[in-house]
């Protein structure tokens, strides 16, 4: 907590790897884990935050922890996945850089992710639609991997099924990016009405 002018201001840090998330555990009041949304990578992120907190003599339970995800929802699963692809590629372009083993990048896709980094078009970062980055992921055969790793996307039932195992391991705060949404208001409404209430408190 930063004290400035007598006002206590919470410190928020986002991290995508072990060094930054351990630092967040040492210093931050709020942490965004941006590693993906599969249970094993989230467990790694939570562990790194806890290790940083314990090294600094802090209580890890006092740190407010969020998980970042690309969200997309539609009655048609293929449509939602299509809309989420560009965001997944954009997040992968920076999250998966660095220590591939620590970040659980499977050996089978490491060469292709390196090619994605090389060819990624920054002018289209988070641009919705079938952009050059969308086509790049398809050409490299990375779409399915990136959608599984970084998105909560599909029908309302698909989204609930993706969130349930995360809730079961104690994740109860999610920050969704709806950058791919053709209608952000509809995405927010549908997640709020059709997905989150079914996960409980």
Foldseek 3Di string as FASTA:
>chain_A
DDADPNDDDFAEDEDLFLVRLLVCLQHGQEYEHELFQDVVLVVLSLVSSCNSVVVNVHDSVRRHYAYEAAEFADQAFVVFLLLRQLQLLLSLLPSCPDDNVRSVPDPVCVVLSVVSNVPPDPVCRLPTDCDPSVVSCVVSVNSVVSCRGGHQTGYLVSNQVSCQVVVVVPHDHYDYDHSSDPDVVVRVVCCVPRHVVVNPD
